[in-house]
Amino acid sequence: MRVVALLLASVLWPTGLLATPAVEKGVALEIAPGTSTWINRNGSVLVLDRGQDGLLQGYFVNNAPGKGCRGIPYALDGRIVDGMIAFHVTWRNGVADCPRQTEWRGEIRPTDEGRLEIHAAWEQFSTIVAIGLSSEEPEKGTDIFTLQMGNELLPERVAPGISVIP
């Protein structure tokens, strides 16, 4: 129950996160130190806590249809440097163990509407080493995460059984 309350509180908490003043095309964007919430088009939730040194911690809640390990927060870590971002999630947290790891690498970009997005390519691979079998090819894809500000509308559901009332 504490996990659900933590997830709900972090999504509803207004984030006063700002980009650096330069949002011109071709200028690297940074996110300010602190906590921010990002949501992708599948409703998955990315909560980042950026330190002064650019190190990232936080968690990821997968809500993609047809994927495993849904609706449970998994720890993440990574780094942001000059507008480039990289982070990874090992899908293991003591509640559920999906023997996979996903790595995202991308950049922070402004939208035409003045919002911030993370455009990232991802690779997911097995964390199980099969003896005597050839290595499995990683699954690959792309994600776009949009920064959620306190006054923006969030998806109605951020995880199975969790409703958000904006």
N, C-alpha and C. Protein backbone atom coordinates (compact mmCIF):
# COMPACT_ATOMS: atom_id res chain seq x y z
N MET A 1 0.83 -1.19 0.00
CA MET A 1 0.00 0.00 0.00
C MET A 1 0.87 1.26 0.00
N ARG A 2 2.03 1.20 0.69
CA ARG A 2 2.91 2.36 0.72
C ARG A 2 3.43 2.70 -0.68
N VAL A 3 3.68 1.65 -1.49
CA VAL A 3 4.18 1.87 -2.84
C VAL A 3 3.14 2.63 -3.66
N VAL A 4 1.87 2.24 -3.53
CA VAL A 4 0.80 2.90 -4.26
C VAL A 4 0.68 4.36 -3.82
N ALA A 5 0.77 4.60 -2.52
CA ALA A 5 0.67 5.96 -2.00
C ALA A 5 1.85 6.80 -2.48
N LEU A 6 3.06 6.23 -2.49
CA LEU A 6 4.23 6.95 -2.96
C LEU A 6 4.10 7.30 -4.44
N LEU A 7 3.65 6.33 -5.23
CA LEU A 7 3.46 6.57 -6.66
C LEU A 7 2.44 7.67 -6.89
N LEU A 8 1.31 7.60 -6.23
CA LEU A 8 0.26 8.59 -6.41
C LEU A 8 0.74 9.97 -5.98
N ALA A 9 1.43 10.05 -4.85
CA ALA A 9 1.92 11.34 -4.35
C ALA A 9 2.92 11.96 -5.31
N SER A 10 3.81 11.14 -5.87
CA SER A 10 4.83 11.70 -6.76
C SER A 10 4.23 12.18 -8.07
N VAL A 11 3.18 11.53 -8.54
CA VAL A 11 2.56 11.96 -9.79
C VAL A 11 1.74 13.22 -9.59
N LEU A 12 1.08 13.33 -8.44
CA LEU A 12 0.25 14.49 -8.19
C LEU A 12 1.03 15.69 -7.67
N TRP A 13 2.22 15.47 -7.13
CA TRP A 13 3.01 16.56 -6.57
C TRP A 13 3.41 17.51 -7.68
N PRO A 14 3.14 18.80 -7.57
CA PRO A 14 3.52 19.74 -8.62
C PRO A 14 5.04 19.85 -8.71
N THR A 15 5.52 19.75 -9.92
CA THR A 15 6.95 19.87 -10.11
C THR A 15 7.23 21.24 -10.70
N GLY A 16 8.07 21.99 -10.04
CA GLY A 16 8.44 23.31 -10.51
C GLY A 16 9.69 23.24 -11.36
N LEU A 17 9.85 22.14 -12.06
CA LEU A 17 11.05 21.91 -12.82
C LEU A 17 11.10 22.80 -14.05
N LEU A 18 12.22 23.40 -14.27
CA LEU A 18 12.38 24.28 -15.41
C LEU A 18 13.59 23.85 -16.23
N ALA A 19 13.53 24.15 -17.49
CA ALA A 19 14.70 23.95 -18.34
C ALA A 19 15.60 25.15 -18.17
N THR A 20 16.82 25.02 -18.66
CA THR A 20 17.68 26.18 -18.69
C THR A 20 17.02 27.20 -19.61
N PRO A 21 17.30 28.48 -19.46
CA PRO A 21 16.61 29.49 -20.26
C PRO A 21 16.74 29.31 -21.76
N ALA A 22 17.83 28.72 -22.23
CA ALA A 22 18.03 28.58 -23.67
C ALA A 22 17.22 27.40 -24.20
N VAL A 23 16.17 27.68 -24.97
CA VAL A 23 15.38 26.61 -25.57
C VAL A 23 15.38 26.73 -27.08
N GLU A 24 16.38 27.37 -27.62
CA GLU A 24 16.49 27.51 -29.06
C GLU A 24 16.88 26.19 -29.68
N LYS A 25 16.55 26.01 -30.96
CA LYS A 25 16.93 24.79 -31.66
C LYS A 25 18.45 24.66 -31.64
N GLY A 26 18.92 23.45 -31.37
CA GLY A 26 20.35 23.20 -31.39
C GLY A 26 21.05 23.49 -30.08
N VAL A 27 20.36 24.05 -29.09
CA VAL A 27 20.96 24.34 -27.80
C VAL A 27 20.58 23.22 -26.84
N ALA A 28 21.58 22.66 -26.15
CA ALA A 28 21.32 21.57 -25.22
C ALA A 28 20.44 22.05 -24.07
N LEU A 29 19.46 21.23 -23.73
CA LEU A 29 18.57 21.55 -22.62
C LEU A 29 18.96 20.71 -21.42
N GLU A 30 18.79 21.25 -20.26
CA GLU A 30 19.02 20.53 -19.01
C GLU A 30 17.75 20.64 -18.18
N ILE A 31 17.56 19.69 -17.31
CA ILE A 31 16.50 19.82 -16.32
C ILE A 31 17.16 20.19 -15.01
N ALA A 32 16.49 21.01 -14.25
CA ALA A 32 17.04 21.50 -12.98
C ALA A 32 17.13 20.35 -11.98
N PRO A 33 18.06 20.43 -11.04
CA PRO A 33 18.11 19.42 -9.98
C PRO A 33 16.78 19.36 -9.24
N GLY A 34 16.40 18.17 -8.83
CA GLY A 34 15.14 17.96 -8.13
C GLY A 34 14.36 16.84 -8.76
N THR A 35 13.11 16.70 -8.35
CA THR A 35 12.27 15.60 -8.81
C THR A 35 11.33 16.07 -9.92
N SER A 36 11.20 15.24 -10.93
CA SER A 36 10.29 15.54 -12.04
C SER A 36 9.56 14.26 -12.44
N THR A 37 8.36 14.43 -12.99
CA THR A 37 7.54 13.31 -13.44
C THR A 37 7.31 13.44 -14.93
N TRP A 38 7.52 12.35 -15.64
CA TRP A 38 7.38 12.29 -17.09
C TRP A 38 6.47 11.11 -17.43
N ILE A 39 5.65 11.25 -18.46
CA ILE A 39 4.75 10.18 -18.86
C ILE A 39 4.88 9.98 -20.36
N ASN A 40 4.97 8.69 -20.77
CA ASN A 40 5.05 8.42 -22.21
C ASN A 40 3.67 8.14 -22.78
N ARG A 41 3.61 7.89 -24.07
CA ARG A 41 2.33 7.73 -24.76
C ARG A 41 1.58 6.46 -24.37
N ASN A 42 2.28 5.50 -23.75
CA ASN A 42 1.62 4.29 -23.26
C ASN A 42 1.14 4.44 -21.83
N GLY A 43 1.35 5.62 -21.22
CA GLY A 43 0.94 5.85 -19.85
C GLY A 43 1.96 5.41 -18.81
N SER A 44 3.14 4.98 -19.26
CA SER A 44 4.18 4.61 -18.31
C SER A 44 4.71 5.87 -17.63
N VAL A 45 5.07 5.74 -16.36
CA VAL A 45 5.47 6.88 -15.54
C VAL A 45 6.95 6.77 -15.22
N LEU A 46 7.66 7.86 -15.46
CA LEU A 46 9.09 7.98 -15.19
C LEU A 46 9.26 9.10 -14.17
N VAL A 47 9.76 8.76 -12.99
CA VAL A 47 10.01 9.77 -11.96
C VAL A 47 11.52 9.87 -11.79
N LEU A 48 12.05 11.06 -12.07
CA LEU A 48 13.49 11.29 -12.01
C LEU A 48 13.82 12.22 -10.86
N ASP A 49 14.87 11.91 -10.15
CA ASP A 49 15.42 12.79 -9.14
C ASP A 49 16.85 13.09 -9.57
N ARG A 50 17.06 14.32 -10.06
CA ARG A 50 18.35 14.72 -10.59
C ARG A 50 19.14 15.43 -9.51
N GLY A 51 20.36 14.94 -9.27
CA GLY A 51 21.25 15.58 -8.32
C GLY A 51 22.01 16.72 -8.98
N GLN A 52 22.71 17.52 -8.18
CA GLN A 52 23.51 18.64 -8.70
C GLN A 52 24.57 18.16 -9.69
N ASP A 53 25.05 16.92 -9.51
CA ASP A 53 26.12 16.38 -10.35
C ASP A 53 25.61 15.73 -11.63
N GLY A 54 24.30 15.76 -11.87
CA GLY A 54 23.73 15.16 -13.08
C GLY A 54 23.35 13.70 -12.92
N LEU A 55 23.64 13.11 -11.76
CA LEU A 55 23.24 11.72 -11.54
C LEU A 55 21.74 11.64 -11.35
N LEU A 56 21.15 10.60 -11.90
CA LEU A 56 19.71 10.39 -11.81
C LEU A 56 19.39 9.16 -10.97
N GLN A 57 18.37 9.29 -10.16
CA GLN A 57 17.77 8.16 -9.46
C GLN A 57 16.27 8.34 -9.62
N GLY A 58 15.54 7.32 -9.30
CA GLY A 58 14.10 7.43 -9.38
C GLY A 58 13.48 6.07 -9.60
N TYR A 59 12.32 6.07 -10.27
CA TYR A 59 11.68 4.80 -10.57
C TYR A 59 10.86 4.92 -11.84
N PHE A 60 10.52 3.76 -12.38
CA PHE A 60 9.76 3.63 -13.62
C PHE A 60 8.61 2.68 -13.35
N VAL A 61 7.40 3.07 -13.79
CA VAL A 61 6.23 2.20 -13.72
C VAL A 61 5.79 1.93 -15.14
N ASN A 62 5.93 0.68 -15.57
CA ASN A 62 5.54 0.29 -16.91
C ASN A 62 4.03 0.12 -16.98
N ASN A 63 3.41 0.77 -17.94
CA ASN A 63 1.97 0.61 -18.18
C ASN A 63 1.68 0.28 -19.64
N ALA A 64 2.71 -0.16 -20.38
CA ALA A 64 2.54 -0.49 -21.79
C ALA A 64 1.67 -1.73 -21.95
N PRO A 65 0.65 -1.65 -22.80
CA PRO A 65 -0.21 -2.82 -23.02
C PRO A 65 0.60 -3.98 -23.59
N GLY A 66 0.31 -5.17 -23.12
CA GLY A 66 0.96 -6.36 -23.67
C GLY A 66 2.36 -6.62 -23.15
N LYS A 67 2.83 -5.82 -22.23
CA LYS A 67 4.17 -6.01 -21.66
C LYS A 67 4.05 -6.53 -20.24
N GLY A 68 5.09 -7.19 -19.78
CA GLY A 68 5.11 -7.70 -18.41
C GLY A 68 5.55 -6.63 -17.43
N CYS A 69 5.58 -7.01 -16.17
CA CYS A 69 6.06 -6.13 -15.09
C CYS A 69 5.28 -4.81 -15.06
N ARG A 70 3.98 -4.88 -15.20
CA ARG A 70 3.16 -3.68 -15.27
C ARG A 70 2.68 -3.23 -13.91
N GLY A 71 2.57 -1.90 -13.76
CA GLY A 71 1.91 -1.30 -12.62
C GLY A 71 2.70 -1.32 -11.32
N ILE A 72 3.98 -1.66 -11.38
CA ILE A 72 4.80 -1.74 -10.17
C ILE A 72 6.02 -0.86 -10.36
N PRO A 73 6.39 -0.02 -9.39
CA PRO A 73 7.58 0.81 -9.54
C PRO A 73 8.87 0.00 -9.45
N TYR A 74 9.78 0.26 -10.37
CA TYR A 74 11.10 -0.36 -10.40
C TYR A 74 12.14 0.76 -10.35
N ALA A 75 13.16 0.57 -9.54
CA ALA A 75 14.21 1.58 -9.38
C ALA A 75 14.96 1.79 -10.70
N LEU A 76 15.41 3.02 -10.88
CA LEU A 76 16.24 3.34 -12.04
C LEU A 76 17.40 4.19 -11.59
N ASP A 77 18.44 4.20 -12.40
CA ASP A 77 19.53 5.15 -12.20
C ASP A 77 20.10 5.50 -13.55
N GLY A 78 20.80 6.62 -13.59
CA GLY A 78 21.35 7.09 -14.84
C GLY A 78 22.09 8.39 -14.66
N ARG A 79 22.19 9.12 -15.77
CA ARG A 79 22.95 10.37 -15.78
C ARG A 79 22.42 11.29 -16.86
N ILE A 80 22.53 12.59 -16.63
CA ILE A 80 22.19 13.59 -17.63
C ILE A 80 23.38 14.54 -17.76
N VAL A 81 23.81 14.73 -19.01
CA VAL A 81 24.95 15.61 -19.29
C VAL A 81 24.65 16.37 -20.58
N ASP A 82 24.71 17.70 -20.52
CA ASP A 82 24.52 18.54 -21.71
C ASP A 82 23.27 18.17 -22.50
N GLY A 83 22.17 17.94 -21.82
CA GLY A 83 20.91 17.64 -22.50
C GLY A 83 20.77 16.21 -22.96
N MET A 84 21.81 15.41 -22.82
CA MET A 84 21.75 13.99 -23.17
C MET A 84 21.43 13.22 -21.89
N ILE A 85 20.56 12.23 -22.01
CA ILE A 85 20.12 11.47 -20.85
C ILE A 85 20.27 9.98 -21.11
N ALA A 86 20.69 9.26 -20.10
CA ALA A 86 20.79 7.80 -20.17
C ALA A 86 20.37 7.26 -18.82
N PHE A 87 19.52 6.24 -18.82
CA PHE A 87 19.11 5.60 -17.58
C PHE A 87 18.73 4.17 -17.87
N HIS A 88 18.74 3.35 -16.82
CA HIS A 88 18.36 1.95 -17.00
C HIS A 88 17.54 1.45 -15.82
N VAL A 89 16.74 0.42 -16.11
CA VAL A 89 15.89 -0.22 -15.12
C VAL A 89 16.15 -1.72 -15.18
N THR A 90 16.43 -2.31 -14.04
CA THR A 90 16.46 -3.77 -13.92
C THR A 90 15.13 -4.15 -13.29
N TRP A 91 14.36 -4.97 -13.98
CA TRP A 91 12.98 -5.26 -13.61
C TRP A 91 12.94 -6.28 -12.47
N ARG A 92 13.46 -5.86 -11.33
CA ARG A 92 13.52 -6.70 -10.13
C ARG A 92 13.42 -5.77 -8.93
N ASN A 93 12.46 -6.04 -8.03
CA ASN A 93 12.29 -5.12 -6.90
C ASN A 93 11.84 -5.78 -5.60
N GLY A 94 11.88 -7.08 -5.49
CA GLY A 94 11.44 -7.75 -4.27
C GLY A 94 9.96 -8.08 -4.27
N VAL A 95 9.19 -7.45 -5.13
CA VAL A 95 7.77 -7.76 -5.28
C VAL A 95 7.57 -8.63 -6.52
N ALA A 96 8.22 -8.23 -7.60
CA ALA A 96 8.12 -8.97 -8.86
C ALA A 96 9.50 -9.01 -9.51
N ASP A 97 9.79 -10.12 -10.15
CA ASP A 97 11.07 -10.29 -10.81
C ASP A 97 10.83 -10.69 -12.25
N CYS A 98 11.06 -9.75 -13.15
CA CYS A 98 11.01 -10.03 -14.57
C CYS A 98 12.47 -10.02 -15.03
N PRO A 99 13.00 -11.12 -15.49
CA PRO A 99 14.43 -11.21 -15.77
C PRO A 99 14.86 -10.43 -17.01
N ARG A 100 14.66 -9.12 -16.95
CA ARG A 100 14.99 -8.24 -18.07
C ARG A 100 15.65 -6.98 -17.53
N GLN A 101 16.34 -6.29 -18.41
CA GLN A 101 16.88 -4.96 -18.11
C GLN A 101 16.65 -4.10 -19.33
N THR A 102 16.29 -2.85 -19.11
CA THR A 102 16.06 -1.92 -20.21
C THR A 102 16.95 -0.71 -20.02
N GLU A 103 17.56 -0.25 -21.11
CA GLU A 103 18.40 0.95 -21.10
C GLU A 103 17.85 1.95 -22.11
N TRP A 104 17.73 3.20 -21.69
CA TRP A 104 17.27 4.28 -22.54
C TRP A 104 18.42 5.26 -22.73
N ARG A 105 18.57 5.80 -23.95
CA ARG A 105 19.54 6.85 -24.26
C ARG A 105 18.86 7.84 -25.19
N GLY A 106 18.94 9.12 -24.82
CA GLY A 106 18.27 10.11 -25.65
C GLY A 106 18.64 11.52 -25.28
N GLU A 107 17.74 12.44 -25.64
CA GLU A 107 17.98 13.85 -25.39
C GLU A 107 16.69 14.53 -24.97
N ILE A 108 16.85 15.67 -24.31
CA ILE A 108 15.72 16.48 -23.89
C ILE A 108 15.50 17.52 -24.98
N ARG A 109 14.25 17.64 -25.43
CA ARG A 109 13.91 18.58 -26.50
C ARG A 109 12.69 19.41 -26.12
N PRO A 110 12.65 20.65 -26.60
CA PRO A 110 11.42 21.44 -26.43
C PRO A 110 10.42 21.07 -27.52
N THR A 111 9.13 21.17 -27.20
CA THR A 111 8.11 20.98 -28.22
C THR A 111 7.74 22.34 -28.79
N ASP A 112 6.98 22.36 -29.86
CA ASP A 112 6.51 23.62 -30.43
C ASP A 112 5.59 24.36 -29.45
N GLU A 113 4.97 23.61 -28.53
CA GLU A 113 4.07 24.21 -27.54
C GLU A 113 4.81 24.69 -26.30
N GLY A 114 6.14 24.57 -26.28
CA GLY A 114 6.93 25.04 -25.15
C GLY A 114 7.08 24.05 -24.01
N ARG A 115 6.69 22.80 -24.22
CA ARG A 115 6.86 21.77 -23.19
C ARG A 115 8.20 21.07 -23.40
N LEU A 116 8.58 20.25 -22.45
CA LEU A 116 9.81 19.47 -22.58
C LEU A 116 9.49 18.00 -22.79
N GLU A 117 10.27 17.35 -23.65
CA GLU A 117 10.13 15.92 -23.90
C GLU A 117 11.50 15.27 -23.85
N ILE A 118 11.50 14.02 -23.46
CA ILE A 118 12.69 13.18 -23.58
C ILE A 118 12.43 12.26 -24.76
N HIS A 119 13.27 12.34 -25.78
CA HIS A 119 13.22 11.44 -26.93
C HIS A 119 14.34 10.44 -26.74
N ALA A 120 13.99 9.16 -26.59
CA ALA A 120 15.01 8.17 -26.26
C ALA A 120 14.80 6.87 -27.02
N ALA A 121 15.91 6.26 -27.40
CA ALA A 121 15.90 4.90 -27.94
C ALA A 121 16.13 3.97 -26.75
N TRP A 122 15.53 2.79 -26.79
CA TRP A 122 15.71 1.83 -25.70
C TRP A 122 16.08 0.47 -26.24
N GLU A 123 16.76 -0.28 -25.40
CA GLU A 123 17.08 -1.68 -25.66
C GLU A 123 16.74 -2.47 -24.42
N GLN A 124 16.09 -3.60 -24.61
CA GLN A 124 15.75 -4.46 -23.50
C GLN A 124 16.34 -5.84 -23.77
N PHE A 125 16.98 -6.39 -22.75
CA PHE A 125 17.59 -7.70 -22.91
C PHE A 125 17.41 -8.53 -21.66
N SER A 126 17.60 -9.82 -21.81
CA SER A 126 17.44 -10.75 -20.70
C SER A 126 18.60 -10.63 -19.73
N THR A 127 18.31 -10.84 -18.46
CA THR A 127 19.37 -10.87 -17.46
C THR A 127 19.71 -12.30 -17.07
N ILE A 128 19.13 -13.26 -17.78
CA ILE A 128 19.42 -14.67 -17.53
C ILE A 128 20.47 -15.12 -18.53
N VAL A 129 21.51 -15.73 -18.04
CA VAL A 129 22.54 -16.26 -18.91
C VAL A 129 22.24 -17.73 -19.14
N ALA A 130 21.92 -18.06 -20.37
CA ALA A 130 21.60 -19.45 -20.71
C ALA A 130 22.90 -20.18 -21.09
N ILE A 131 23.18 -21.23 -20.41
CA ILE A 131 24.40 -22.00 -20.67
C ILE A 131 24.20 -22.84 -21.92
N GLY A 132 25.13 -22.70 -22.86
CA GLY A 132 25.10 -23.50 -24.07
C GLY A 132 24.18 -22.99 -25.15
N LEU A 133 23.52 -21.86 -24.92
CA LEU A 133 22.64 -21.30 -25.94
C LEU A 133 23.22 -20.00 -26.45
N SER A 134 22.92 -19.68 -27.69
CA SER A 134 23.42 -18.42 -28.24
C SER A 134 22.72 -17.25 -27.54
N SER A 135 23.36 -16.11 -27.54
CA SER A 135 22.78 -14.96 -26.86
C SER A 135 21.55 -14.45 -27.60
N GLU A 136 20.61 -13.99 -26.85
CA GLU A 136 19.36 -13.46 -27.38
C GLU A 136 19.58 -12.04 -27.89
N GLU A 137 18.96 -11.70 -29.01
CA GLU A 137 19.02 -10.34 -29.53
C GLU A 137 18.15 -9.43 -28.66
N PRO A 138 18.64 -8.24 -28.32
CA PRO A 138 17.80 -7.35 -27.51
C PRO A 138 16.62 -6.82 -28.30
N GLU A 139 15.53 -6.56 -27.58
CA GLU A 139 14.37 -5.90 -28.17
C GLU A 139 14.69 -4.42 -28.19
N LYS A 140 14.28 -3.70 -29.24
CA LYS A 140 14.61 -2.28 -29.37
C LYS A 140 13.36 -1.48 -29.70
N GLY A 141 13.40 -0.19 -29.34
CA GLY A 141 12.29 0.69 -29.65
C GLY A 141 12.63 2.12 -29.30
N THR A 142 11.62 2.98 -29.34
CA THR A 142 11.80 4.38 -28.98
C THR A 142 10.68 4.81 -28.05
N ASP A 143 10.95 5.82 -27.26
CA ASP A 143 9.98 6.38 -26.33
C ASP A 143 10.05 7.90 -26.40
N ILE A 144 8.91 8.52 -26.16
CA ILE A 144 8.87 9.97 -25.96
C ILE A 144 8.15 10.19 -24.63
N PHE A 145 8.85 10.81 -23.67
CA PHE A 145 8.30 11.12 -22.37
C PHE A 145 8.04 12.62 -22.31
N THR A 146 6.89 13.03 -21.81
CA THR A 146 6.55 14.44 -21.69
C THR A 146 6.56 14.84 -20.22
N LEU A 147 7.23 15.95 -19.93
CA LEU A 147 7.29 16.47 -18.57
C LEU A 147 5.91 16.88 -18.12
N GLN A 148 5.52 16.47 -16.92
CA GLN A 148 4.23 16.81 -16.33
C GLN A 148 4.44 17.91 -15.31
N MET A 149 3.75 19.00 -15.50
CA MET A 149 3.80 20.11 -14.56
C MET A 149 2.56 20.04 -13.68
N GLY A 150 2.56 20.74 -12.57
CA GLY A 150 1.47 20.68 -11.61
C GLY A 150 0.11 21.03 -12.16
N ASN A 151 0.05 21.90 -13.17
CA ASN A 151 -1.25 22.34 -13.68
C ASN A 151 -1.65 21.64 -14.97
N GLU A 152 -0.87 20.64 -15.40
CA GLU A 152 -1.21 19.92 -16.63
C GLU A 152 -2.06 18.71 -16.30
N LEU A 153 -2.84 18.27 -17.26
CA LEU A 153 -3.66 17.09 -17.06
C LEU A 153 -2.80 15.86 -17.22
N LEU A 154 -2.98 14.92 -16.32
CA LEU A 154 -2.29 13.64 -16.38
C LEU A 154 -3.26 12.60 -16.92
N PRO A 155 -2.74 11.48 -17.39
CA PRO A 155 -3.67 10.43 -17.82
C PRO A 155 -4.57 10.03 -16.66
N GLU A 156 -5.77 9.54 -16.99
CA GLU A 156 -6.71 9.13 -15.95
C GLU A 156 -6.15 8.03 -15.08
N ARG A 157 -5.38 7.13 -15.67
CA ARG A 157 -4.83 6.01 -14.91
C ARG A 157 -3.33 5.95 -15.16
N VAL A 158 -2.56 5.93 -14.08
CA VAL A 158 -1.12 5.83 -14.22
C VAL A 158 -0.63 4.42 -13.96
N ALA A 159 -1.47 3.59 -13.44
CA ALA A 159 -1.14 2.19 -13.21
C ALA A 159 -2.46 1.46 -12.96
N PRO A 160 -2.46 0.16 -13.17
CA PRO A 160 -3.72 -0.58 -12.93
C PRO A 160 -4.22 -0.33 -11.51
N GLY A 161 -5.46 0.10 -11.42
CA GLY A 161 -6.08 0.31 -10.12
C GLY A 161 -5.78 1.63 -9.48
N ILE A 162 -4.99 2.50 -10.13
CA ILE A 162 -4.66 3.80 -9.55
C ILE A 162 -5.24 4.89 -10.44
N SER A 163 -6.21 5.60 -9.95
CA SER A 163 -6.80 6.70 -10.71
C SER A 163 -6.20 8.01 -10.27
N VAL A 164 -6.01 8.91 -11.21
CA VAL A 164 -5.49 10.23 -10.90
C VAL A 164 -6.59 11.25 -11.14
N ILE A 165 -6.84 12.07 -10.16
CA ILE A 165 -7.83 13.13 -10.28
C ILE A 165 -7.07 14.44 -10.36
N PRO A 166 -6.97 15.05 -11.55
CA PRO A 166 -6.18 16.28 -11.68
C PRO A 166 -6.83 17.44 -10.97
